[in-house]
Amino acid sequence: MSTPATPRMLLVLSENWTLTGGRADLPTAVRWAREAEDAGFDAVMVSEHIVLGPDAADRGIMGNPRDYALPGNQDPYTPWPNSLLLLAAIASVTERLRLAAAAVLAPLRHPLLLARELGTLDLISEGRLVVQPTVSWSRDEYDALGVPFGERGKLLDEHLQVWAKAWGPSPLSHDGPNYPFQDVYFEPKAYRPEGPRLWFGGQRLHGPLLRRLVRHGHGFHPLGRPTPDDLRALKDAMSAAGRDITDLEMIGGTQAVFPDDRSPADLGAALASVPEQWESGFTTFCVKPNQFIDDPDGVGAFCREVMRRVERLVG
């Protein structure tokens, strides 16, 4: 994809409950999205869980509640509203903002049902939807929904096969081991003939992730900074498949360093790595507002300040 003139900024809307007194204040999150668009942000992101179990906290709850939720570090009472419904509400009050549905737990649904939901949201937003499907990490969550945890990778791969068929011509059939069906008609399609843009990411660039990126991916969103060896492996795998690594949108981020467990982090320090990431090919950068401010009415001003600083940083 073409390189933008300046970095694209993405506002993470999940996990901002320190700004709303611990409540899932969804109308406020919708307002933040509109304010981010007005400030010049390119996208917003919403992640999901369906339920949390005791393993949500099996590594101990994060010290500073402003931090990112990671496997095993969060309070099981953490709010996780339905991400696709929230993004649909955001689509209705914005015009150009991309809608990133991150950590979509595909194996916990049937692929035709999820393709229907994703395609409808993509149509509502006129092609602004980005989907990052994942297998996730919580065995308790899989157990609660009766889905075999050990099969989650195979289930995701079959989802991707079914989605590709669903965006294509009807009728469609699938003879996979988990979701077989024959001669069904899937209308309407998504906004693009090939469906929504797909991002993939994770804590490390393991074989299945690399394979999904090369075959289906439009963007690479690693958790943390990928190593030079990871990027080299990705470049080589893309080339072997007849693709160029520049076909992928590269999604970077900001690293908040909290002075203690009660205070927000310094924005300038968190943005300091953006120029280096930009020079290495990353073009889109995630920032979570509650890591830096405590005022729910200050998100618009925060977004404008982020844009000013990033534009100065990259010249």
C-alpha atoms as a PDB file:
ATOM      1  CA  MET A   1       0.000   0.000   0.000  1.00  0.00           C
ATOM      2  CA  SER A   2       1.132   3.570  -0.541  1.00  0.00           C
ATOM      3  CA  THR A   3       3.044   5.293   2.261  1.00  0.00           C
ATOM      4  CA  PRO A   4       1.144   8.238   3.772  1.00  0.00           C
ATOM      5  CA  ALA A   5       2.792  11.650   3.939  1.00  0.00           C
ATOM      6  CA  THR A   6       2.498  11.677   7.726  1.00  0.00           C
ATOM      7  CA  PRO A   7       1.827   8.940  10.302  1.00  0.00           C
ATOM      8  CA  ARG A   8      -1.713   7.715  10.723  1.00  0.00           C
ATOM      9  CA  MET A   9      -2.835   7.875  14.342  1.00  0.00           C
ATOM     10  CA  LEU A  10      -5.213   5.327  15.853  1.00  0.00           C
ATOM     11  CA  LEU A  11      -7.132   5.928  19.091  1.00  0.00           C
ATOM     12  CA  VAL A  12      -7.587   2.808  21.226  1.00  0.00           C
ATOM     13  CA  LEU A  13     -11.099   3.018  22.712  1.00  0.00           C
ATOM     14  CA  SER A  14     -11.057  -0.207  24.741  1.00  0.00           C
ATOM     15  CA  GLU A  15      -9.710  -0.313  28.283  1.00  0.00           C
ATOM     16  CA  ASN A  16     -10.261   3.378  29.026  1.00  0.00           C
ATOM     17  CA  TRP A  17     -12.464   2.818  32.047  1.00  0.00           C
ATOM     18  CA  THR A  18     -10.260   4.899  34.370  1.00  0.00           C
ATOM     19  CA  LEU A  19     -11.666   7.873  32.429  1.00  0.00           C
ATOM     20  CA  THR A  20     -15.270   6.894  33.164  1.00  0.00           C
ATOM     21  CA  GLY A  21     -15.110   5.793  36.781  1.00  0.00           C
ATOM     22  CA  GLY A  22     -14.817   2.124  35.890  1.00  0.00           C
ATOM     23  CA  ARG A  23     -18.115   2.121  33.971  1.00  0.00           C
ATOM     24  CA  ALA A  24     -18.679   1.026  30.388  1.00  0.00           C
ATOM     25  CA  ASP A  25     -19.818   4.493  29.287  1.00  0.00           C
ATOM     26  CA  LEU A  26     -20.398   3.728  25.608  1.00  0.00           C
ATOM     27  CA  PRO A  27     -21.997   7.046  24.543  1.00  0.00           C
ATOM     28  CA  THR A  28     -18.854   8.760  25.807  1.00  0.00           C
ATOM     29  CA  ALA A  29     -16.677   6.369  23.794  1.00  0.00           C
ATOM     30  CA  VAL A  30     -18.701   7.241  20.686  1.00  0.00           C
ATOM     31  CA  ARG A  31     -18.114  10.930  21.401  1.00  0.00           C
ATOM     32  CA  TRP A  32     -14.381  10.310  21.756  1.00  0.00           C
ATOM     33  CA  ALA A  33     -14.345   8.695  18.320  1.00  0.00           C
ATOM     34  CA  ARG A  34     -16.013  11.712  16.764  1.00  0.00           C
ATOM     35  CA  GLU A  35     -13.543  14.009  18.523  1.00  0.00           C
ATOM     36  CA  ALA A  36     -10.636  11.889  17.268  1.00  0.00           C
ATOM     37  CA  GLU A  37     -11.878  12.224  13.692  1.00  0.00           C
ATOM     38  CA  ASP A  38     -12.214  15.982  14.100  1.00  0.00           C
ATOM     39  CA  ALA A  39      -8.638  16.143  15.403  1.00  0.00           C
ATOM     40  CA  GLY A  40      -7.248  14.348  12.353  1.00  0.00           C
ATOM     41  CA  PHE A  41      -6.945  10.791  13.647  1.00  0.00           C
ATOM     42  CA  ASP A  42      -7.173   8.088  11.006  1.00  0.00           C
ATOM     43  CA  ALA A  43      -8.795   5.272  13.008  1.00  0.00           C
ATOM     44  CA  VAL A  44     -10.223   4.007  16.266  1.00  0.00           C
ATOM     45  CA  MET A  45      -9.821   0.509  17.667  1.00  0.00           C
ATOM     46  CA  VAL A  46     -12.097  -1.599  19.858  1.00  0.00           C
ATOM     47  CA  SER A  47     -11.121  -5.053  21.154  1.00  0.00           C
ATOM     48  CA  GLU A  48     -13.301  -7.764  22.640  1.00  0.00           C
ATOM     49  CA  HIS A  49     -13.846 -10.538  25.090  1.00  0.00           C
ATOM     50  CA  ILE A  50     -17.182 -12.317  25.400  1.00  0.00           C
ATOM     51  CA  VAL A  51     -16.673 -13.419  28.999  1.00  0.00           C
ATOM     52  CA  LEU A  52     -13.744 -13.450  31.413  1.00  0.00           C
ATOM     53  CA  GLY A  53     -12.936 -16.222  33.856  1.00  0.00           C
ATOM     54  CA  PRO A  54     -10.495 -16.590  36.742  1.00  0.00           C
ATOM     55  CA  ASP A  55      -7.570 -17.025  34.333  1.00  0.00           C
ATOM     56  CA  ALA A  56      -7.966 -13.350  33.377  1.00  0.00           C
ATOM     57  CA  ALA A  57      -5.962 -12.554  36.510  1.00  0.00           C
ATOM     58  CA  ASP A  58      -3.789 -15.623  36.896  1.00  0.00           C
ATOM     59  CA  ARG A  59      -0.592 -13.575  36.508  1.00  0.00           C
ATOM     60  CA  GLY A  60      -1.724 -10.891  38.924  1.00  0.00           C
ATOM     61  CA  ILE A  61      -3.748  -7.783  38.124  1.00  0.00           C
ATOM     62  CA  MET A  62      -1.823  -4.960  36.461  1.00  0.00           C
ATOM     63  CA  GLY A  63      -0.365  -2.411  38.861  1.00  0.00           C
ATOM     64  CA  ASN A  64      -1.568   0.724  37.090  1.00  0.00           C
ATOM     65  CA  PRO A  65      -5.161   0.348  35.836  1.00  0.00           C
ATOM     66  CA  ARG A  66      -4.322   2.593  32.862  1.00  0.00           C
ATOM     67  CA  ASP A  67      -2.062  -0.090  31.388  1.00  0.00           C
ATOM     68  CA  TYR A  68      -2.978  -2.402  28.511  1.00  0.00           C
ATOM     69  CA  ALA A  69      -4.892  -5.577  29.298  1.00  0.00           C
ATOM     70  CA  LEU A  70      -2.620  -8.523  28.532  1.00  0.00           C
ATOM     71  CA  PRO A  71      -3.071 -12.281  28.986  1.00  0.00           C
ATOM     72  CA  GLY A  72      -3.602 -12.950  32.688  1.00  0.00           C
ATOM     73  CA  ASN A  73      -3.156  -9.401  34.042  1.00  0.00           C
ATOM     74  CA  GLN A  74      -6.697  -8.014  34.263  1.00  0.00           C
ATOM     75  CA  ASP A  75      -9.528  -7.844  36.746  1.00  0.00           C
ATOM     76  CA  PRO A  76     -12.270 -10.288  35.633  1.00  0.00           C
ATOM     77  CA  TYR A  77     -14.785  -7.468  36.229  1.00  0.00           C
ATOM     78  CA  THR A  78     -13.208  -5.433  33.387  1.00  0.00           C
ATOM     79  CA  PRO A  79     -15.973  -4.235  30.997  1.00  0.00           C
ATOM     80  CA  TRP A  80     -15.829  -5.701  27.484  1.00  0.00           C
ATOM     81  CA  PRO A  81     -18.873  -4.484  25.510  1.00  0.00           C
ATOM     82  CA  ASN A  82     -19.649  -5.886  22.072  1.00  0.00           C
ATOM     83  CA  SER A  83     -17.054  -4.337  19.803  1.00  0.00           C
ATOM     84  CA  LEU A  84     -18.976  -4.590  16.526  1.00  0.00           C
ATOM     85  CA  LEU A  85     -22.086  -2.907  17.933  1.00  0.00           C
ATOM     86  CA  LEU A  86     -19.956  -0.115  19.391  1.00  0.00           C
ATOM     87  CA  LEU A  87     -18.160   0.363  16.075  1.00  0.00           C
ATOM     88  CA  ALA A  88     -21.516   0.483  14.267  1.00  0.00           C
ATOM     89  CA  ALA A  89     -22.578   3.333  16.540  1.00  0.00           C
ATOM     90  CA  ILE A  90     -19.282   5.093  15.794  1.00  0.00           C
ATOM     91  CA  ALA A  91     -19.764   4.567  12.055  1.00  0.00           C
ATOM     92  CA  SER A  92     -23.095   6.420  12.271  1.00  0.00           C
ATOM     93  CA  VAL A  93     -21.509   9.622  13.634  1.00  0.00           C
ATOM     94  CA  THR A  94     -18.260   9.684  11.618  1.00  0.00           C
ATOM     95  CA  GLU A  95     -17.435   9.977   7.932  1.00  0.00           C
ATOM     96  CA  ARG A  96     -13.848   8.955   7.221  1.00  0.00           C
ATOM     97  CA  LEU A  97     -12.567   7.357  10.442  1.00  0.00           C
ATOM     98  CA  ARG A  98     -11.481   3.756   9.953  1.00  0.00           C
ATOM     99  CA  LEU A  99     -13.013   1.252  12.366  1.00  0.00           C
ATOM    100  CA  ALA A 100     -10.557  -1.357  13.638  1.00  0.00           C
ATOM    101  CA  ALA A 101     -12.227  -4.368  15.222  1.00  0.00           C
ATOM    102  CA  ALA A 102      -9.245  -5.827  17.059  1.00  0.00           C
ATOM    103  CA  ALA A 103      -8.932  -9.191  18.768  1.00  0.00           C
ATOM    104  CA  VAL A 104     -12.086 -10.531  17.120  1.00  0.00           C
ATOM    105  CA  LEU A 105     -12.422 -13.979  18.683  1.00  0.00           C
ATOM    106  CA  ALA A 106     -13.501 -15.740  15.519  1.00  0.00           C
ATOM    107  CA  PRO A 107     -13.403 -19.347  16.820  1.00  0.00           C
ATOM    108  CA  LEU A 108     -16.136 -18.538  19.336  1.00  0.00           C
ATOM    109  CA  ARG A 109     -18.710 -17.983  16.531  1.00  0.00           C
ATOM    110  CA  HIS A 110     -19.832 -19.702  13.375  1.00  0.00           C
ATOM    111  CA  PRO A 111     -17.988 -18.183  10.392  1.00  0.00           C
ATOM    112  CA  LEU A 112     -21.159 -17.473   8.389  1.00  0.00           C
ATOM    113  CA  LEU A 113     -22.677 -15.581  11.319  1.00  0.00           C
ATOM    114  CA  LEU A 114     -19.505 -13.584  11.875  1.00  0.00           C
ATOM    115  CA  ALA A 115     -19.131 -12.906   8.149  1.00  0.00           C
ATOM    116  CA  ARG A 116     -22.693 -11.547   8.184  1.00  0.00           C
ATOM    117  CA  GLU A 117     -21.925  -9.202  11.093  1.00  0.00           C
ATOM    118  CA  LEU A 118     -18.615  -8.027   9.641  1.00  0.00           C
ATOM    119  CA  GLY A 119     -20.014  -7.544   6.150  1.00  0.00           C
ATOM    120  CA  THR A 120     -22.965  -5.531   7.433  1.00  0.00           C
ATOM    121  CA  LEU A 121     -20.699  -3.242   9.462  1.00  0.00           C
ATOM    122  CA  ASP A 122     -18.428  -2.838   6.442  1.00  0.00           C
ATOM    123  CA  LEU A 123     -21.434  -1.787   4.343  1.00  0.00           C
ATOM    124  CA  ILE A 124     -22.732   0.622   6.997  1.00  0.00           C
ATOM    125  CA  SER A 125     -19.322   2.306   7.133  1.00  0.00           C
ATOM    126  CA  GLU A 126     -18.787   2.164   3.340  1.00  0.00           C
ATOM    127  CA  GLY A 127     -15.592   0.146   3.519  1.00  0.00           C
ATOM    128  CA  ARG A 128     -14.039   1.637   6.634  1.00  0.00           C
ATOM    129  CA  LEU A 129     -13.909  -1.625   8.600  1.00  0.00           C
ATOM    130  CA  VAL A 130     -10.611  -3.285   9.515  1.00  0.00           C
ATOM    131  CA  VAL A 131     -10.744  -6.709  11.189  1.00  0.00           C
ATOM    132  CA  GLN A 132      -7.996  -8.289  13.270  1.00  0.00           C
ATOM    133  CA  PRO A 133      -9.105 -11.856  13.995  1.00  0.00           C
ATOM    134  CA  THR A 134      -7.336 -13.822  16.689  1.00  0.00           C
ATOM    135  CA  VAL A 135      -7.472 -17.057  18.673  1.00  0.00           C
ATOM    136  CA  SER A 136      -6.778 -15.250  21.985  1.00  0.00           C
ATOM    137  CA  TRP A 137      -5.455 -16.838  25.167  1.00  0.00           C
ATOM    138  CA  SER A 138      -8.198 -17.531  27.735  1.00  0.00           C
ATOM    139  CA  ARG A 139      -9.047 -21.200  28.173  1.00  0.00           C
ATOM    140  CA  ASP A 140     -11.820 -20.177  30.591  1.00  0.00           C
ATOM    141  CA  GLU A 141     -13.492 -18.140  27.854  1.00  0.00           C
ATOM    142  CA  TYR A 142     -13.438 -21.069  25.429  1.00  0.00           C
ATOM    143  CA  ASP A 143     -14.708 -23.461  28.087  1.00  0.00           C
ATOM    144  CA  ALA A 144     -17.629 -21.146  28.894  1.00  0.00           C
ATOM    145  CA  LEU A 145     -18.754 -21.162  25.258  1.00  0.00           C
ATOM    146  CA  GLY A 146     -18.147 -24.867  24.740  1.00  0.00           C
ATOM    147  CA  VAL A 147     -15.412 -24.434  22.109  1.00  0.00           C
ATOM    148  CA  PRO A 148     -12.303 -26.656  22.280  1.00  0.00           C
ATOM    149  CA  PHE A 149      -9.371 -24.447  23.241  1.00  0.00           C
ATOM    150  CA  GLY A 150      -6.808 -26.705  21.596  1.00  0.00           C
ATOM    151  CA  GLU A 151      -8.556 -26.433  18.216  1.00  0.00           C
ATOM    152  CA  ARG A 152      -8.735 -22.638  18.101  1.00  0.00           C
ATOM    153  CA  GLY A 153      -6.015 -22.171  15.474  1.00  0.00           C
ATOM    154  CA  LYS A 154      -7.626 -24.641  13.077  1.00  0.00           C
ATOM    155  CA  LEU A 155     -11.015 -23.008  13.670  1.00  0.00           C
ATOM    156  CA  LEU A 156      -9.626 -19.560  12.806  1.00  0.00           C
ATOM    157  CA  ASP A 157      -8.063 -20.875   9.614  1.00  0.00           C
ATOM    158  CA  GLU A 158     -11.403 -22.339   8.581  1.00  0.00           C
ATOM    159  CA  HIS A 159     -13.111 -19.023   9.365  1.00  0.00           C
ATOM    160  CA  LEU A 160     -10.775 -17.275   6.954  1.00  0.00           C
ATOM    161  CA  GLN A 161     -11.602 -19.798   4.245  1.00  0.00           C
ATOM    162  CA  VAL A 162     -15.345 -19.352   4.757  1.00  0.00           C
ATOM    163  CA  TRP A 163     -15.114 -15.547   4.852  1.00  0.00           C
ATOM    164  CA  ALA A 164     -13.319 -15.522   1.499  1.00  0.00           C
ATOM    165  CA  LYS A 165     -16.139 -17.619   0.024  1.00  0.00           C
ATOM    166  CA  ALA A 166     -18.828 -15.468   1.650  1.00  0.00           C
ATOM    167  CA  TRP A 167     -17.473 -12.303   0.021  1.00  0.00           C
ATOM    168  CA  GLY A 168     -17.488 -14.104  -3.360  1.00  0.00           C
ATOM    169  CA  PRO A 169     -20.347 -15.237  -5.566  1.00  0.00           C
ATOM    170  CA  SER A 170     -23.418 -17.065  -4.288  1.00  0.00           C
ATOM    171  CA  PRO A 171     -24.250 -19.877  -3.866  1.00  0.00           C
ATOM    172  CA  LEU A 172     -21.309 -21.050  -1.799  1.00  0.00           C
ATOM    173  CA  SER A 173     -20.376 -24.369  -0.251  1.00  0.00           C
ATOM    174  CA  HIS A 174     -17.741 -25.476   2.222  1.00  0.00           C
ATOM    175  CA  ASP A 175     -16.656 -29.004   3.105  1.00  0.00           C
ATOM    176  CA  GLY A 176     -14.338 -28.196   6.008  1.00  0.00           C
ATOM    177  CA  PRO A 177     -14.267 -30.394   9.118  1.00  0.00           C
ATOM    178  CA  ASN A 178     -15.942 -27.933  11.488  1.00  0.00           C
ATOM    179  CA  TYR A 179     -18.341 -25.793   9.442  1.00  0.00           C
ATOM    180  CA  PRO A 180     -19.608 -27.760   6.426  1.00  0.00           C
ATOM    181  CA  PHE A 181     -22.498 -26.368   4.417  1.00  0.00           C
ATOM    182  CA  GLN A 182     -23.840 -26.639   0.875  1.00  0.00           C
ATOM    183  CA  ASP A 183     -25.318 -24.178  -1.622  1.00  0.00           C
ATOM    184  CA  VAL A 184     -26.128 -21.235   0.619  1.00  0.00           C
ATOM    185  CA  TYR A 185     -26.772 -17.726  -0.641  1.00  0.00           C
ATOM    186  CA  PHE A 186     -24.961 -14.954   1.204  1.00  0.00           C
ATOM    187  CA  GLU A 187     -26.309 -11.506   0.377  1.00  0.00           C
ATOM    188  CA  PRO A 188     -25.439  -8.695   0.624  1.00  0.00           C
ATOM    189  CA  LYS A 189     -21.681  -8.939   0.402  1.00  0.00           C
ATOM    190  CA  ALA A 190     -19.151  -6.695   2.102  1.00  0.00           C
ATOM    191  CA  TYR A 191     -18.280  -3.275   0.673  1.00  0.00           C
ATOM    192  CA  ARG A 192     -15.269  -4.564  -1.282  1.00  0.00           C
ATOM    193  CA  PRO A 193     -15.401  -7.752  -3.379  1.00  0.00           C
ATOM    194  CA  GLU A 194     -12.618  -9.243  -1.226  1.00  0.00           C
ATOM    195  CA  GLY A 195     -14.189  -8.177   2.080  1.00  0.00           C
ATOM    196  CA  PRO A 196     -12.921  -5.957   4.899  1.00  0.00           C
ATOM    197  CA  ARG A 197      -9.216  -5.266   5.354  1.00  0.00           C
ATOM    198  CA  LEU A 198      -7.592  -7.922   7.570  1.00  0.00           C
ATOM    199  CA  TRP A 199      -4.811  -7.273  10.089  1.00  0.00           C
ATOM    200  CA  PHE A 200      -2.957  -9.971  11.981  1.00  0.00           C
ATOM    201  CA  GLY A 201      -0.714  -9.701  14.999  1.00  0.00           C
ATOM    202  CA  GLY A 202       0.426 -11.253  18.221  1.00  0.00           C
ATOM    203  CA  GLN A 203       3.163 -11.504  20.802  1.00  0.00           C
ATOM    204  CA  ARG A 204       5.520 -13.271  18.393  1.00  0.00           C
ATOM    205  CA  LEU A 205       5.677 -13.997  14.673  1.00  0.00           C
ATOM    206  CA  HIS A 206       5.082 -17.754  14.891  1.00  0.00           C
ATOM    207  CA  GLY A 207       4.401 -19.995  11.908  1.00  0.00           C
ATOM    208  CA  PRO A 208       0.576 -19.859  11.802  1.00  0.00           C
ATOM    209  CA  LEU A 209       0.590 -16.065  12.185  1.00  0.00           C
ATOM    210  CA  LEU A 210       3.135 -15.695   9.406  1.00  0.00           C
ATOM    211  CA  ARG A 211       1.101 -17.977   7.158  1.00  0.00           C
ATOM    212  CA  ARG A 212      -2.130 -16.010   7.777  1.00  0.00           C
ATOM    213  CA  LEU A 213      -0.376 -12.709   7.155  1.00  0.00           C
ATOM    214  CA  VAL A 214       1.061 -13.845   3.847  1.00  0.00           C
ATOM    215  CA  ARG A 215      -2.135 -15.458   2.593  1.00  0.00           C
ATOM    216  CA  HIS A 216      -4.833 -13.104   3.892  1.00  0.00           C
ATOM    217  CA  GLY A 217      -3.223 -10.051   5.467  1.00  0.00           C
ATOM    218  CA  HIS A 218      -3.473  -6.381   4.633  1.00  0.00           C
ATOM    219  CA  GLY A 219      -1.713  -5.254   7.821  1.00  0.00           C
ATOM    220  CA  PHE A 220       0.742  -6.429  10.482  1.00  0.00           C
ATOM    221  CA  HIS A 221      -0.035  -5.350  14.058  1.00  0.00           C
ATOM    222  CA  PRO A 222       2.507  -6.914  16.424  1.00  0.00           C
ATOM    223  CA  LEU A 223       2.166  -6.768  20.193  1.00  0.00           C
ATOM    224  CA  GLY A 224       5.340  -4.845  21.000  1.00  0.00           C
ATOM    225  CA  ARG A 225       8.259  -4.241  18.667  1.00  0.00           C
ATOM    226  CA  PRO A 226       9.097  -7.052  16.216  1.00  0.00           C
ATOM    227  CA  THR A 227      12.737  -8.084  16.014  1.00  0.00           C
ATOM    228  CA  PRO A 228      14.830  -7.543  12.862  1.00  0.00           C
ATOM    229  CA  ASP A 229      14.731 -11.326  12.388  1.00  0.00           C
ATOM    230  CA  ASP A 230      10.922 -11.250  12.509  1.00  0.00           C
ATOM    231  CA  LEU A 231      10.751  -8.518   9.886  1.00  0.00           C
ATOM    232  CA  ARG A 232      13.258 -10.332   7.709  1.00  0.00           C
ATOM    233  CA  ALA A 233      11.232 -13.555   7.943  1.00  0.00           C
ATOM    234  CA  LEU A 234       8.065 -11.650   7.037  1.00  0.00           C
ATOM    235  CA  LYS A 235       9.729  -9.984   4.063  1.00  0.00           C
ATOM    236  CA  ASP A 236      11.094 -13.310   2.788  1.00  0.00           C
ATOM    237  CA  ALA A 237       7.759 -15.104   3.231  1.00  0.00           C
ATOM    238  CA  MET A 238       5.870 -12.360   1.420  1.00  0.00           C
ATOM    239  CA  SER A 239       8.386 -12.456  -1.430  1.00  0.00           C
ATOM    240  CA  ALA A 240       8.135 -16.235  -1.719  1.00  0.00           C
ATOM    241  CA  ALA A 241       4.362 -15.855  -2.097  1.00  0.00           C
ATOM    242  CA  GLY A 242       4.739 -13.240  -4.826  1.00  0.00           C
ATOM    243  CA  ARG A 243       3.882 -10.360  -2.526  1.00  0.00           C
ATOM    244  CA  ASP A 244       5.928  -7.422  -1.270  1.00  0.00           C
ATOM    245  CA  ILE A 245       6.135  -6.472   2.395  1.00  0.00           C
ATOM    246  CA  THR A 246       5.099  -2.970   1.345  1.00  0.00           C
ATOM    247  CA  ASP A 247       1.687  -4.503   0.568  1.00  0.00           C
ATOM    248  CA  LEU A 248       1.162  -4.647   4.340  1.00  0.00           C
ATOM    249  CA  GLU A 249       0.153  -1.724   6.503  1.00  0.00           C
ATOM    250  CA  MET A 250       2.596  -1.764   9.431  1.00  0.00           C
ATOM    251  CA  ILE A 251       1.003  -0.831  12.735  1.00  0.00           C
ATOM    252  CA  GLY A 252       3.229   0.449  15.543  1.00  0.00           C
ATOM    253  CA  GLY A 253       2.454   1.983  18.876  1.00  0.00           C
ATOM    254  CA  THR A 254       3.415   4.040  21.870  1.00  0.00           C
ATOM    255  CA  GLN A 255       4.978   2.699  25.053  1.00  0.00           C
ATOM    256  CA  ALA A 256       3.662   4.343  28.201  1.00  0.00           C
ATOM    257  CA  VAL A 257       5.976   4.324  31.212  1.00  0.00           C
ATOM    258  CA  PHE A 258       4.085   5.043  34.413  1.00  0.00           C
ATOM    259  CA  PRO A 259       5.910   6.769  37.272  1.00  0.00           C
ATOM    260  CA  ASP A 260       3.841   4.765  39.782  1.00  0.00           C
ATOM    261  CA  ASP A 261       0.585   2.812  40.017  1.00  0.00           C
ATOM    262  CA  ARG A 262      -1.553   5.929  40.472  1.00  0.00           C
ATOM    263  CA  SER A 263      -0.371   8.395  37.823  1.00  0.00           C
ATOM    264  CA  PRO A 264      -0.616   8.737  34.039  1.00  0.00           C
ATOM    265  CA  ALA A 265       2.435   8.490  31.809  1.00  0.00           C
ATOM    266  CA  ASP A 266       4.287  11.242  29.958  1.00  0.00           C
ATOM    267  CA  LEU A 267       3.019  11.642  26.382  1.00  0.00           C
ATOM    268  CA  GLY A 268       6.261  13.050  24.999  1.00  0.00           C
ATOM    269  CA  ALA A 269       8.274  10.078  26.207  1.00  0.00           C
ATOM    270  CA  ALA A 270       5.728   7.639  24.774  1.00  0.00           C
ATOM    271  CA  LEU A 271       5.813   9.305  21.347  1.00  0.00           C
ATOM    272  CA  ALA A 272       9.612   9.501  21.219  1.00  0.00           C
ATOM    273  CA  SER A 273       9.919   6.172  19.379  1.00  0.00           C
ATOM    274  CA  VAL A 274       7.555   7.188  16.559  1.00  0.00           C
ATOM    275  CA  PRO A 275      10.287   8.639  14.259  1.00  0.00           C
ATOM    276  CA  GLU A 276      12.378   5.455  14.495  1.00  0.00           C
ATOM    277  CA  GLN A 277       9.340   3.266  13.803  1.00  0.00           C
ATOM    278  CA  TRP A 278       8.316   5.556  10.931  1.00  0.00           C
ATOM    279  CA  GLU A 279      11.763   5.268   9.359  1.00  0.00           C
ATOM    280  CA  SER A 280      11.607   1.463   9.597  1.00  0.00           C
ATOM    281  CA  GLY A 281       8.329   1.312   7.661  1.00  0.00           C
ATOM    282  CA  PHE A 282       5.606   1.572  10.306  1.00  0.00           C
ATOM    283  CA  THR A 283       2.917   4.014   9.251  1.00  0.00           C
ATOM    284  CA  THR A 284       0.039   3.669  11.758  1.00  0.00           C
ATOM    285  CA  PHE A 285       0.452   4.232  15.486  1.00  0.00           C
ATOM    286  CA  CYS A 286      -1.849   3.272  18.367  1.00  0.00           C
ATOM    287  CA  VAL A 287      -2.341   5.471  21.412  1.00  0.00           C
ATOM    288  CA  LYS A 288      -4.660   4.867  24.384  1.00  0.00           C
ATOM    289  CA  PRO A 289      -5.818   8.157  25.942  1.00  0.00           C
ATOM    290  CA  ASN A 290      -6.297   7.063  29.552  1.00  0.00           C
ATOM    291  CA  GLN A 291      -2.611   6.237  29.754  1.00  0.00           C
ATOM    292  CA  PHE A 292      -1.867   9.962  29.556  1.00  0.00           C
ATOM    293  CA  ILE A 293      -4.902  11.908  30.844  1.00  0.00           C
ATOM    294  CA  ASP A 294      -7.563  11.528  33.528  1.00  0.00           C
ATOM    295  CA  ASP A 295     -10.192  13.923  32.132  1.00  0.00           C
ATOM    296  CA  PRO A 296     -12.988  12.301  30.081  1.00  0.00           C
ATOM    297  CA  ASP A 297     -13.774  15.701  28.580  1.00  0.00           C
ATOM    298  CA  GLY A 298     -10.175  16.193  27.484  1.00  0.00           C
ATOM    299  CA  VAL A 299      -9.905  13.491  24.827  1.00  0.00           C
ATOM    300  CA  GLY A 300     -10.485  15.876  21.916  1.00  0.00           C
ATOM    301  CA  ALA A 301      -7.743  18.221  23.120  1.00  0.00           C
ATOM    302  CA  PHE A 302      -5.515  15.221  23.773  1.00  0.00           C
ATOM    303  CA  CYS A 303      -5.980  14.012  20.182  1.00  0.00           C
ATOM    304  CA  ARG A 304      -5.132  17.442  18.790  1.00  0.00           C
ATOM    305  CA  GLU A 305      -1.992  17.543  20.936  1.00  0.00           C
ATOM    306  CA  VAL A 306      -0.968  14.091  19.714  1.00  0.00           C
ATOM    307  CA  MET A 307      -1.335  15.204  16.094  1.00  0.00           C
ATOM    308  CA  ARG A 308       0.722  18.362  16.692  1.00  0.00           C
ATOM    309  CA  ARG A 309       3.526  16.449  18.371  1.00  0.00           C
ATOM    310  CA  VAL A 310       3.653  13.646  15.816  1.00  0.00           C
ATOM    311  CA  GLU A 311       3.747  16.076  12.900  1.00  0.00           C
ATOM    312  CA  ARG A 312       6.665  17.880  14.563  1.00  0.00           C
ATOM    313  CA  LEU A 313       8.477  14.618  15.298  1.00  0.00           C
ATOM    314  CA  VAL A 314       8.455  13.406  11.694  1.00  0.00           C
ATOM    315  CA  GLY A 315       9.001  16.837  10.158  1.00  0.00           C
END
